[in-house]
Amino acid sequence: MKTLVSILFAIFVVIFIVVLGLYAHKIYQTTELTNKLYEKVEVIYQKDVQINNLNLELDKQVERNAELQLYAWELEEKLLLRELWNFESYGQLLQFLQEDATDNLTYVIDKFDCEDFAYTLSRNAQAKGYEIGLLISDKPWHMRNFTVIGNVIYIIEPQTDNVTKGCFID
């Protein structure tokens, strides 16, 4: 009887160890899955942070665009209320260019180049009540200015104040 109890006890211990091993294996698998789940959650969290940052940047851009649109409308309204005029003579144009300091600005590649010179000259002319437009050529790409005096279109190189007769309007 003692042997039978010992055998049954041994079988019980073996079954217990097997069950305990299976349980430990399931715990290990669950831990592995939990760790993988945490890794996935971390990736999702990082993506969520990136999306939130992009949304914040987008909100800033939308706000900036709205500000620029309001500014454009204000400028348009000012231009409609204030009439700009052409130069009365070639001499008046040359006098304006001599007094204007746009050609004294420093050319900086990709920071302050031909279009910046052209915009600056145009804005300076508008501030004085004159109309000087923007002229873009594409071969090679370059931006200059133009103005109309009488029935003649004059081309202005804003970096040098060089003026050339472009063509007649009629």
Protein backbone atom coordinates (compact mmCIF):
# COMPACT_ATOMS: atom_id res chain seq x y z
CA MET A 1 0.00 0.00 0.00
CA LYS A 2 2.87 2.24 0.79
CA THR A 3 4.28 1.70 -2.67
CA LEU A 4 0.97 2.45 -4.23
CA VAL A 5 0.75 5.70 -2.31
CA SER A 6 4.33 6.51 -3.28
CA ILE A 7 3.59 5.77 -6.94
CA LEU A 8 0.41 7.82 -6.85
CA PHE A 9 2.26 10.60 -5.11
CA ALA A 10 5.03 10.45 -7.74
CA ILE A 11 2.42 10.52 -10.54
CA PHE A 12 0.76 13.45 -8.82
CA VAL A 13 4.10 15.30 -8.55
CA VAL A 14 4.87 14.60 -12.22
CA ILE A 15 1.42 15.80 -13.28
CA PHE A 16 1.82 18.84 -11.03
CA ILE A 17 5.23 19.63 -12.53
CA VAL A 18 3.88 19.18 -16.09
CA VAL A 19 0.89 21.40 -15.34
CA LEU A 20 3.16 23.93 -13.64
CA GLY A 21 5.49 23.85 -16.66
CA LEU A 22 2.59 24.35 -19.04
CA TYR A 23 1.33 27.19 -16.89
CA ALA A 24 4.81 28.76 -16.80
CA HIS A 25 5.04 28.41 -20.60
CA LYS A 26 1.66 30.16 -20.99
CA ILE A 27 2.84 32.94 -18.67
CA TYR A 28 6.00 33.28 -20.77
CA GLN A 29 3.95 33.43 -23.98
CA THR A 30 1.59 35.96 -22.43
CA THR A 31 4.56 38.06 -21.30
CA GLU A 32 6.01 37.94 -24.81
CA LEU A 33 2.68 38.97 -26.30
CA THR A 34 2.31 41.71 -23.70
CA ASN A 35 5.79 43.03 -24.53
CA LYS A 36 4.97 42.99 -28.25
CA LEU A 37 1.71 44.73 -27.50
CA TYR A 38 3.56 47.40 -25.50
CA GLU A 39 5.97 47.87 -28.42
CA LYS A 40 3.04 48.32 -30.82
CA VAL A 41 1.36 50.74 -28.41
CA GLU A 42 4.62 52.73 -28.21
CA VAL A 43 4.84 52.90 -32.02
CA ILE A 44 1.21 54.04 -32.18
CA TYR A 45 1.90 56.62 -29.47
CA GLN A 46 4.92 57.97 -31.39
CA LYS A 47 2.83 58.16 -34.58
CA ASP A 48 0.10 59.95 -32.65
CA VAL A 49 2.66 62.47 -31.36
CA GLN A 50 3.89 63.01 -34.93
CA ILE A 51 0.33 63.49 -36.19
CA ASN A 52 -0.39 65.97 -33.39
CA ASN A 53 2.78 67.90 -34.25
CA LEU A 54 1.83 67.94 -37.93
CA ASN A 55 -1.66 69.13 -37.02
CA LEU A 56 -0.17 71.94 -34.93
CA GLU A 57 2.08 72.92 -37.84
CA LEU A 58 -0.86 72.76 -40.22
CA ASP A 59 -2.90 74.96 -37.88
CA LYS A 60 -0.05 77.50 -37.86
CA GLN A 61 0.12 77.42 -41.67
CA VAL A 62 -3.66 77.87 -41.97
CA GLU A 63 -3.48 80.78 -39.55
CA ARG A 64 -0.56 82.31 -41.49
CA ASN A 65 -2.43 81.87 -44.77
CA ALA A 66 -5.47 83.58 -43.27
CA GLU A 67 -3.27 86.46 -42.10
CA LEU A 68 -1.74 86.75 -45.57
CA GLN A 69 -5.17 86.70 -47.19
CA LEU A 70 -6.37 89.48 -44.88
CA TYR A 71 -3.23 91.44 -45.70
CA ALA A 72 -3.83 90.93 -49.43
CA TRP A 73 -7.43 92.13 -49.07
CA GLU A 74 -6.27 95.17 -47.12
CA LEU A 75 -3.71 95.97 -49.81
CA GLU A 76 -6.28 95.52 -52.54
CA GLU A 77 -8.64 97.84 -50.71
CA LYS A 78 -5.90 100.43 -50.24
CA LEU A 79 -4.97 100.23 -53.92
CA LEU A 80 -8.60 100.69 -54.92
CA LEU A 81 -8.89 103.73 -52.67
CA ARG A 82 -5.51 105.20 -53.65
CA GLU A 83 -4.87 105.64 -57.32
CA LEU A 84 -1.36 104.86 -58.46
CA TRP A 85 -0.08 106.73 -61.46
CA ASN A 86 2.56 106.31 -64.10
CA PHE A 87 5.62 108.50 -64.31
CA GLU A 88 5.01 111.69 -66.27
CA SER A 89 8.37 111.55 -68.01
CA TYR A 90 11.48 109.47 -68.50
CA GLY A 91 13.38 112.05 -66.42
CA GLN A 92 10.93 111.57 -63.53
CA LEU A 93 11.54 107.81 -63.67
CA LEU A 94 15.32 108.33 -63.63
CA GLN A 95 15.00 110.72 -60.68
CA PHE A 96 12.93 108.16 -58.75
CA LEU A 97 15.51 105.44 -59.48
CA GLN A 98 18.36 107.73 -58.41
CA GLU A 99 16.62 108.45 -55.09
CA ASP A 100 15.59 104.82 -54.55
CA ALA A 101 18.18 102.59 -52.80
CA THR A 102 17.05 99.19 -54.14
CA ASP A 103 20.10 98.93 -56.42
CA ASN A 104 22.38 99.39 -53.37
CA LEU A 105 21.07 96.25 -51.65
CA THR A 106 23.26 93.14 -51.55
CA TYR A 107 22.51 90.18 -53.79
CA VAL A 108 22.48 86.91 -51.78
CA ILE A 109 21.89 83.67 -53.70
CA ASP A 110 18.57 82.02 -52.74
CA LYS A 111 17.96 84.61 -50.01
CA PHE A 112 17.78 88.02 -51.70
CA ASP A 113 18.00 87.61 -55.45
CA CYS A 114 16.41 89.05 -58.60
CA GLU A 115 12.78 88.62 -57.56
CA ASP A 116 13.48 90.26 -54.19
CA PHE A 117 15.06 93.25 -55.95
CA ALA A 118 12.06 93.48 -58.31
CA TYR A 119 9.49 93.23 -55.49
CA THR A 120 11.39 95.79 -53.42
CA LEU A 121 11.55 98.32 -56.29
CA SER A 122 7.84 97.80 -57.02
CA ARG A 123 6.87 98.28 -53.35
CA ASN A 124 9.09 101.37 -53.03
CA ALA A 125 7.47 102.88 -56.14
CA GLN A 126 3.97 102.17 -54.82
CA ALA A 127 4.90 103.81 -51.52
CA LYS A 128 5.71 106.95 -53.52
CA GLY A 129 2.50 106.64 -55.54
CA TYR A 130 4.00 105.27 -58.75
CA GLU A 131 3.14 102.11 -60.63
CA ILE A 132 6.05 99.79 -61.42
CA GLY A 133 5.13 96.25 -62.43
CA LEU A 134 6.96 92.93 -62.32
CA LEU A 135 8.35 91.32 -65.46
CA ILE A 136 9.39 87.66 -65.50
CA SER A 137 11.46 86.06 -68.23
CA ASP A 138 12.06 82.33 -68.33
CA LYS A 139 15.10 81.84 -70.58
CA PRO A 140 17.10 82.32 -68.45
CA TRP A 141 14.73 82.79 -65.53
CA HIS A 142 14.97 86.37 -64.28
CA MET A 143 12.69 88.97 -62.76
CA ARG A 144 12.82 92.66 -63.60
CA ASN A 145 10.40 95.58 -63.54
CA PHE A 146 8.56 97.67 -66.08
CA THR A 147 6.64 100.90 -66.19
CA VAL A 148 4.66 102.79 -68.80
CA ILE A 149 5.42 106.39 -69.75
CA GLY A 150 3.10 107.72 -72.42
CA ASN A 151 2.78 104.90 -74.91
CA VAL A 152 6.22 103.38 -74.23
CA ILE A 153 6.95 100.42 -71.97
CA TYR A 154 10.30 100.74 -70.19
CA ILE A 155 12.15 97.75 -68.76
CA ILE A 156 14.03 98.36 -65.49
CA GLU A 157 16.81 96.16 -64.08
CA PRO A 158 16.30 96.76 -60.32
CA GLN A 159 19.79 95.57 -59.38
CA THR A 160 21.51 98.26 -61.48
CA ASP A 161 18.77 100.83 -62.29
CA ASN A 162 19.49 100.24 -65.98
CA VAL A 163 16.44 101.33 -68.04
CA THR A 164 15.78 100.18 -71.60
CA LYS A 165 12.96 101.00 -73.96
CA GLY A 166 10.87 97.85 -74.34
CA CYS A 167 8.21 98.60 -76.93
CA PHE A 168 5.36 100.90 -77.86
CA ILE A 169 1.87 100.20 -76.60
CA ASP A 170 0.18 101.14 -79.86
